[in-house]
């Protein structure tokens, strides 16, 4: 190949790679994420809190309620992505521009169980605490 073809190929690869150099993707997991399958063993009115603790481990909180006790298992399984379009002009700009578009699903999820006075699970529900807005353009 000629030098010109090699130079053009390298320039083309550099131009394509430049936007990707300002891209970040991360995943964060705290505690074991719970799913419908992982709690399918819970039968309301039959499963005791002892059975739940045996399978899922100790809960994060136990709170007294009007009709029994609320047991909470908190977990976090979040993704974070960020693209900095300022990288495109960085080679030609005397300042380091920051034009960031980001999205994160940060916020805790929880499994809440309501137990009666005999420590039998009477209700269960997943609670999602996602912050709004899900898409935040910066610096706008």
Protein backbone atom coordinates (compact mmCIF):
# COMPACT_ATOMS: atom_id res chain seq x y z
CA UNK A 1 0.00 0.00 0.00
CA UNK A 2 1.07 3.52 -0.58
CA UNK A 3 1.82 5.94 2.20
CA UNK A 4 -1.18 8.02 1.29
CA UNK A 5 -3.61 5.09 1.75
CA UNK A 6 -2.03 4.24 5.11
CA UNK A 7 -2.20 7.88 6.22
CA UNK A 8 -5.84 8.19 5.18
CA UNK A 9 -6.71 4.92 6.92
CA UNK A 10 -5.06 6.08 10.16
CA UNK A 11 -6.81 9.44 9.93
CA UNK A 12 -10.17 7.73 9.37
CA UNK A 13 -9.63 5.40 12.37
CA UNK A 14 -8.61 8.35 14.56
CA UNK A 15 -11.72 10.33 13.55
CA UNK A 16 -13.95 7.34 14.31
CA UNK A 17 -12.26 6.63 17.66
CA UNK A 18 -12.37 10.23 18.87
CA UNK A 19 -16.08 10.26 19.90
CA UNK A 20 -15.68 6.93 21.65
CA UNK A 21 -12.81 8.20 23.81
CA UNK A 22 -15.25 10.40 25.74
CA UNK A 23 -17.72 7.57 26.41
CA UNK A 24 -18.08 5.91 29.85
CA UNK A 25 -20.30 3.00 30.80
CA UNK A 26 -20.38 1.55 34.31
CA UNK A 27 -22.47 -0.95 36.25
CA UNK A 28 -22.93 -0.92 40.02
CA UNK A 29 -24.47 -3.70 42.11
CA UNK A 30 -25.01 -3.52 45.87
CA UNK A 31 -26.42 -6.54 47.69
CA UNK A 32 -27.87 -9.39 45.65
CA UNK A 33 -30.50 -8.09 43.21
CA UNK A 34 -33.83 -9.78 43.87
CA UNK A 35 -36.16 -10.86 41.08
CA UNK A 36 -39.61 -12.42 40.92
CA UNK A 37 -37.96 -15.81 40.46
CA UNK A 38 -35.79 -15.43 43.56
CA UNK A 39 -38.83 -14.71 45.77
CA UNK A 40 -41.27 -17.13 44.12
CA UNK A 41 -41.01 -19.42 47.16
CA UNK A 42 -42.92 -16.87 49.27
CA UNK A 43 -46.58 -17.80 49.60
CA UNK A 44 -48.63 -15.13 51.31
CA UNK A 45 -50.34 -16.48 54.42
CA UNK A 46 -48.05 -19.55 54.64
CA UNK A 47 -44.37 -18.56 54.46
CA UNK A 48 -42.82 -17.43 57.73
CA UNK A 49 -40.16 -14.79 58.17
CA UNK A 50 -37.79 -17.56 59.28
CA UNK A 51 -38.20 -19.23 55.86
CA UNK A 52 -37.46 -15.93 54.10
CA UNK A 53 -34.37 -15.23 56.22
CA UNK A 54 -33.11 -18.77 55.57
CA UNK A 55 -33.28 -18.23 51.77
CA UNK A 56 -32.51 -14.52 51.40
CA UNK A 57 -30.43 -13.74 54.48
CA UNK A 58 -30.95 -11.04 57.07
CA UNK A 59 -33.15 -8.09 56.03
CA UNK A 60 -31.89 -4.52 55.92
CA UNK A 61 -34.61 -3.23 58.22
CA UNK A 62 -37.51 -4.42 60.35
CA UNK A 63 -40.08 -1.78 61.24
CA UNK A 64 -43.16 -2.06 63.43
CA UNK A 65 -46.39 -1.28 61.60
CA UNK A 66 -50.05 -0.93 62.59
CA UNK A 67 -50.91 -4.47 61.48
CA UNK A 68 -47.65 -6.29 62.14
CA UNK A 69 -44.13 -5.76 60.92
CA UNK A 70 -42.61 -4.46 57.67
CA UNK A 71 -39.43 -6.25 56.59
CA UNK A 72 -37.31 -4.58 53.91
CA UNK A 73 -34.57 -6.01 51.68
CA UNK A 74 -32.76 -3.22 49.77
CA UNK A 75 -30.62 -3.74 46.70
CA UNK A 76 -29.18 -1.74 43.84
CA UNK A 77 -28.44 -2.84 40.29
CA UNK A 78 -27.71 0.31 38.31
CA UNK A 79 -26.17 1.32 35.02
CA UNK A 80 -24.51 4.62 34.25
CA UNK A 81 -23.58 5.90 30.83
CA UNK A 82 -21.99 9.16 29.80
CA UNK A 83 -20.84 10.68 26.53
CA UNK A 84 -18.66 13.78 26.47
CA UNK A 85 -18.98 15.38 23.03
CA UNK A 86 -16.41 17.97 24.10
CA UNK A 87 -13.72 15.45 23.12
CA UNK A 88 -14.51 16.16 19.46
CA UNK A 89 -13.19 19.73 19.64
CA UNK A 90 -10.46 19.15 22.21
CA UNK A 91 -7.60 18.87 19.65
CA UNK A 92 -8.51 22.26 18.15
CA UNK A 93 -9.60 24.17 21.26
CA UNK A 94 -7.33 25.94 23.77
CA UNK A 95 -9.83 25.09 26.55
CA UNK A 96 -11.15 21.68 27.59
CA UNK A 97 -14.86 21.88 26.64
CA UNK A 98 -17.32 19.69 28.50
CA UNK A 99 -20.55 18.84 26.71
CA UNK A 100 -21.86 15.84 28.64
CA UNK A 101 -24.99 13.81 28.09
CA UNK A 102 -25.55 11.26 30.82
CA UNK A 103 -28.12 8.80 32.04
CA UNK A 104 -28.19 6.79 35.21
CA UNK A 105 -30.62 4.44 36.84
CA UNK A 106 -29.28 5.16 40.30
CA UNK A 107 -31.64 4.65 43.19
CA UNK A 108 -32.36 1.76 45.47
CA UNK A 109 -34.88 -0.97 44.88
CA UNK A 110 -36.47 -2.89 47.71
CA UNK A 111 -38.52 -5.95 48.49
CA UNK A 112 -40.97 -5.23 51.28
CA UNK A 113 -42.78 -7.91 53.23
CA UNK A 114 -45.64 -7.34 55.65
CA UNK A 115 -45.72 -9.92 58.42
CA UNK A 116 -48.51 -10.47 60.93
CA UNK A 117 -48.02 -10.86 64.68
CA UNK A 118 -47.11 -14.56 64.17
CA UNK A 119 -44.30 -13.58 61.70
CA UNK A 120 -46.17 -15.02 58.71
CA UNK A 121 -45.82 -13.06 55.45
CA UNK A 122 -49.21 -11.59 54.53
CA UNK A 123 -48.14 -9.26 51.67
CA UNK A 124 -45.07 -8.74 49.51
CA UNK A 125 -44.15 -6.08 46.96
CA UNK A 126 -41.19 -4.73 45.05
CA UNK A 127 -40.63 -1.02 45.56
CA UNK A 128 -38.70 0.97 42.98
CA UNK A 129 -37.07 4.28 43.90
CA UNK A 130 -35.75 5.72 40.66
CA UNK A 131 -34.78 9.39 40.57
CA UNK A 132 -36.25 11.65 37.91
CA UNK A 133 -35.43 12.70 35.28
CA UNK A 134 -33.82 9.61 33.78
CA UNK A 135 -32.03 11.64 31.11
CA UNK A 136 -30.06 14.70 32.14
CA UNK A 137 -28.21 16.75 29.53
CA UNK A 138 -25.40 18.90 30.92
CA UNK A 139 -24.54 21.84 30.90
CA UNK A 140 -28.11 22.78 29.87
